[in-house]
């Protein structure tokens, strides 16, 4: 009886020993990588070489023999960051002012002395281009710019079919042009002025095209 017990203990000891040896038989190796980093890219832009532009005045001048009012303004927009971005453009804070009322205006607009809203933007359509491609057009009235965001919405819609991407370090041209024929206005716009802000947005390029008002 004692002999059987001894043999059983011996077998258990041998099995345990084999299990320990098998565990130690696996090879292991380790490589440690140091100074791993995650770096976030940058997205920034400049307009005409400036991060922030000062107020600009648009002067309607040179009404000569033809009577046409036409001119254009070009902005050079540069992606100064390290990531590609989609460019968006809009006008905001439009203000049409009367700036007085002379006799010629009174003959057409009896209440112009008390009406401070000017009529210039109502006869002046602006055409917006990106590198020569027309992106939007709108009258420069308070309602079309401030309330309806016509140019911003049209630009966003057109950007789905036209590339508005600016690669890092690249520059693209945005142009606003206006052309008012001599038969499109009358004495109501004398002394009138309009002012507005131009807004450029550069948004990180993603797979899904952003929607909504810009």
Protein backbone atom coordinates (compact mmCIF):
# COMPACT_ATOMS: atom_id res chain seq x y z
CA UNK A 1 0.00 0.00 0.00
CA UNK A 2 2.78 2.41 0.84
CA UNK A 3 4.58 1.47 -2.36
CA UNK A 4 1.64 2.53 -4.54
CA UNK A 5 1.46 5.87 -2.85
CA UNK A 6 5.13 6.48 -3.47
CA UNK A 7 4.81 5.70 -7.16
CA UNK A 8 1.86 8.06 -7.51
CA UNK A 9 3.82 10.93 -5.96
CA UNK A 10 6.72 10.21 -8.26
CA UNK A 11 4.52 10.41 -11.35
CA UNK A 12 3.02 13.72 -10.27
CA UNK A 13 6.43 15.16 -9.68
CA UNK A 14 7.63 14.13 -13.13
CA UNK A 15 4.56 15.62 -14.89
CA UNK A 16 5.00 18.87 -13.01
CA UNK A 17 8.63 19.03 -13.98
CA UNK A 18 7.86 18.52 -17.66
CA UNK A 19 5.29 21.28 -17.58
CA UNK A 20 7.81 23.73 -16.13
CA UNK A 21 10.40 22.80 -18.74
CA UNK A 22 7.91 23.27 -21.59
CA UNK A 23 7.01 26.77 -20.35
CA UNK A 24 10.62 27.87 -20.25
CA UNK A 25 11.24 26.53 -23.78
CA UNK A 26 9.52 29.54 -25.57
CA UNK A 27 11.89 32.23 -26.90
CA UNK A 28 11.06 35.88 -26.31
CA UNK A 29 12.39 39.12 -27.77
CA UNK A 30 11.51 42.80 -27.31
CA UNK A 31 12.25 45.99 -29.25
CA UNK A 32 11.48 49.30 -27.58
CA UNK A 33 10.79 52.33 -29.79
CA UNK A 34 11.57 55.62 -28.07
CA UNK A 35 10.49 59.20 -28.80
CA UNK A 36 7.34 58.26 -30.75
CA UNK A 37 5.22 61.34 -31.52
CA UNK A 38 1.85 62.33 -32.88
CA UNK A 39 2.00 65.71 -34.65
CA UNK A 40 -1.13 67.63 -35.60
CA UNK A 41 -0.96 69.41 -38.96
CA UNK A 42 -1.87 73.06 -39.40
CA UNK A 43 -4.50 74.82 -41.48
CA UNK A 44 -4.18 78.55 -42.02
CA UNK A 45 -4.51 81.05 -44.84
CA UNK A 46 -3.45 84.51 -45.86
CA UNK A 47 -5.17 86.96 -48.20
CA UNK A 48 -2.86 89.10 -50.30
CA UNK A 49 -0.02 88.04 -47.99
CA UNK A 50 -1.80 89.13 -44.79
CA UNK A 51 -3.39 87.09 -42.02
CA UNK A 52 -5.96 89.83 -41.44
CA UNK A 53 -6.86 92.53 -43.92
CA UNK A 54 -7.87 96.09 -43.17
CA UNK A 55 -11.08 97.65 -44.42
CA UNK A 56 -11.11 98.34 -48.14
CA UNK A 57 -13.02 101.05 -49.94
CA UNK A 58 -14.64 100.43 -53.29
CA UNK A 59 -15.02 103.72 -55.12
CA UNK A 60 -17.35 104.00 -58.09
CA UNK A 61 -15.62 106.47 -60.37
CA UNK A 62 -14.82 107.18 -63.99
CA UNK A 63 -18.36 107.39 -65.32
CA UNK A 64 -17.48 108.78 -68.73
CA UNK A 65 -18.99 108.95 -72.18
CA UNK A 66 -20.47 105.45 -72.05
CA UNK A 67 -21.89 105.74 -68.54
CA UNK A 68 -20.96 102.14 -67.70
CA UNK A 69 -19.82 101.35 -64.17
CA UNK A 70 -17.39 98.44 -64.27
CA UNK A 71 -14.38 97.31 -62.27
CA UNK A 72 -12.99 94.27 -60.48
CA UNK A 73 -11.11 93.32 -57.33
CA UNK A 74 -8.75 90.33 -57.07
CA UNK A 75 -7.61 88.62 -53.87
CA UNK A 76 -4.75 86.11 -53.76
CA UNK A 77 -5.53 83.44 -51.15
CA UNK A 78 -2.65 81.25 -49.93
CA UNK A 79 -2.81 78.11 -47.80
CA UNK A 80 -0.01 78.79 -45.30
CA UNK A 81 -0.60 75.57 -43.33
CA UNK A 82 0.57 71.98 -43.80
CA UNK A 83 -2.83 70.42 -44.63
CA UNK A 84 -4.99 70.77 -47.76
CA UNK A 85 -8.16 72.74 -47.29
CA UNK A 86 -11.36 73.67 -49.09
CA UNK A 87 -11.90 77.37 -49.67
CA UNK A 88 -15.24 79.03 -49.00
CA UNK A 89 -16.19 82.66 -49.69
CA UNK A 90 -19.03 84.99 -48.77
CA UNK A 91 -19.91 88.62 -48.18
CA UNK A 92 -21.52 89.83 -44.98
CA UNK A 93 -22.45 93.03 -43.11
CA UNK A 94 -23.67 94.70 -46.29
CA UNK A 95 -24.74 98.32 -45.83
CA UNK A 96 -26.28 100.51 -48.56
CA UNK A 97 -26.39 104.18 -47.60
CA UNK A 98 -28.13 107.17 -49.19
CA UNK A 99 -25.58 109.84 -48.12
CA UNK A 100 -27.82 112.79 -48.83
CA UNK A 101 -30.49 113.65 -51.34
CA UNK A 102 -30.05 116.29 -54.04
CA UNK A 103 -32.74 117.74 -56.28
CA UNK A 104 -32.10 115.25 -59.07
CA UNK A 105 -32.82 112.41 -56.65
CA UNK A 106 -35.90 114.10 -55.20
CA UNK A 107 -37.43 114.24 -58.68
CA UNK A 108 -37.40 110.43 -58.77
CA UNK A 109 -37.63 109.57 -55.08
CA UNK A 110 -39.77 111.99 -53.13
CA UNK A 111 -38.94 110.50 -49.73
CA UNK A 112 -35.18 110.20 -50.19
CA UNK A 113 -34.47 112.85 -47.52
CA UNK A 114 -35.82 110.57 -44.79
CA UNK A 115 -34.98 107.24 -46.40
CA UNK A 116 -31.41 106.43 -45.40
CA UNK A 117 -31.14 103.24 -47.49
CA UNK A 118 -29.24 103.66 -50.75
CA UNK A 119 -30.13 102.12 -54.11
CA UNK A 120 -26.64 101.44 -55.48
CA UNK A 121 -26.52 97.77 -54.54
CA UNK A 122 -29.87 97.16 -56.20
CA UNK A 123 -28.45 97.95 -59.64
CA UNK A 124 -24.99 96.46 -59.14
CA UNK A 125 -24.68 92.68 -59.56
CA UNK A 126 -21.40 91.17 -58.38
CA UNK A 127 -19.87 88.15 -60.10
CA UNK A 128 -17.50 86.01 -58.03
CA UNK A 129 -14.80 83.89 -59.70
CA UNK A 130 -12.23 81.35 -58.52
CA UNK A 131 -9.29 81.15 -60.92
CA UNK A 132 -11.56 82.34 -63.74
CA UNK A 133 -14.49 80.01 -62.97
CA UNK A 134 -17.68 81.83 -62.00
CA UNK A 135 -18.84 80.57 -58.60
CA UNK A 136 -21.67 82.98 -57.69
CA UNK A 137 -23.50 86.13 -58.68
CA UNK A 138 -25.75 88.40 -56.65
CA UNK A 139 -27.03 91.93 -56.35
CA UNK A 140 -25.21 93.80 -53.57
CA UNK A 141 -28.32 94.56 -51.55
CA UNK A 142 -28.69 94.17 -47.80
CA UNK A 143 -31.29 91.44 -48.22
CA UNK A 144 -29.36 89.37 -50.76
CA UNK A 145 -26.12 89.50 -48.78
CA UNK A 146 -27.16 89.68 -45.13
CA UNK A 147 -30.48 87.84 -45.07
CA UNK A 148 -30.16 85.37 -47.95
CA UNK A 149 -26.37 84.83 -48.04
CA UNK A 150 -26.79 84.35 -51.79
CA UNK A 151 -23.10 84.37 -52.65
CA UNK A 152 -22.08 82.08 -49.80
CA UNK A 153 -24.76 79.52 -50.61
CA UNK A 154 -24.00 79.56 -54.33
CA UNK A 155 -20.27 79.15 -53.68
CA UNK A 156 -20.88 76.17 -51.37
CA UNK A 157 -23.15 74.49 -53.93
CA UNK A 158 -20.72 75.11 -56.81
CA UNK A 159 -17.83 73.71 -54.76
CA UNK A 160 -19.46 70.27 -55.04
CA UNK A 161 -18.76 70.29 -58.78
CA UNK A 162 -15.73 72.59 -58.97
CA UNK A 163 -12.52 72.02 -57.03
CA UNK A 164 -12.00 74.68 -54.36
CA UNK A 165 -9.14 72.81 -52.68
CA UNK A 166 -5.94 74.69 -51.88
CA UNK A 167 -2.89 72.50 -51.32
CA UNK A 168 -0.35 73.50 -48.64
CA UNK A 169 1.71 76.40 -49.94
CA UNK A 170 -0.54 76.92 -52.98
CA UNK A 171 -2.24 80.18 -53.97
CA UNK A 172 -5.55 80.71 -55.75
CA UNK A 173 -7.27 83.86 -57.03
CA UNK A 174 -10.70 85.05 -56.01
CA UNK A 175 -12.14 87.86 -58.12
CA UNK A 176 -15.21 90.02 -57.70
CA UNK A 177 -16.30 91.88 -60.84
CA UNK A 178 -19.20 94.22 -61.46
CA UNK A 179 -20.51 95.81 -64.64
CA UNK A 180 -23.49 98.14 -64.65
CA UNK A 181 -24.66 99.40 -68.03
CA UNK A 182 -25.62 103.01 -68.55
CA UNK A 183 -29.29 102.08 -68.90
CA UNK A 184 -29.37 100.12 -65.62
CA UNK A 185 -29.35 103.10 -63.24
CA UNK A 186 -30.62 106.63 -62.87
CA UNK A 187 -30.30 109.64 -60.52
CA UNK A 188 -31.46 107.59 -57.53
CA UNK A 189 -27.92 106.29 -56.96
CA UNK A 190 -26.27 109.73 -56.83
CA UNK A 191 -24.00 109.96 -53.74
CA UNK A 192 -24.98 106.40 -52.70
CA UNK A 193 -22.38 104.08 -51.24
CA UNK A 194 -22.14 100.49 -50.11
CA UNK A 195 -19.79 98.69 -47.74
CA UNK A 196 -19.35 95.05 -46.80
CA UNK A 197 -16.97 92.48 -45.34
CA UNK A 198 -15.37 89.73 -47.41
CA UNK A 199 -15.00 86.41 -45.59
CA UNK A 200 -12.62 83.63 -46.61
CA UNK A 201 -12.88 80.25 -44.86
CA UNK A 202 -10.40 77.41 -45.30
CA UNK A 203 -11.77 74.11 -44.02
CA UNK A 204 -9.76 70.90 -43.61
CA UNK A 205 -10.31 68.58 -46.55
CA UNK A 206 -12.40 65.58 -45.52
CA UNK A 207 -14.19 62.81 -47.39
CA UNK A 208 -17.65 64.27 -46.78
CA UNK A 209 -18.33 67.66 -48.36
CA UNK A 210 -19.55 70.16 -45.72
CA UNK A 211 -23.03 71.54 -46.26
CA UNK A 212 -24.97 74.50 -44.95
CA UNK A 213 -24.49 78.23 -45.01
CA UNK A 214 -20.98 79.61 -45.04
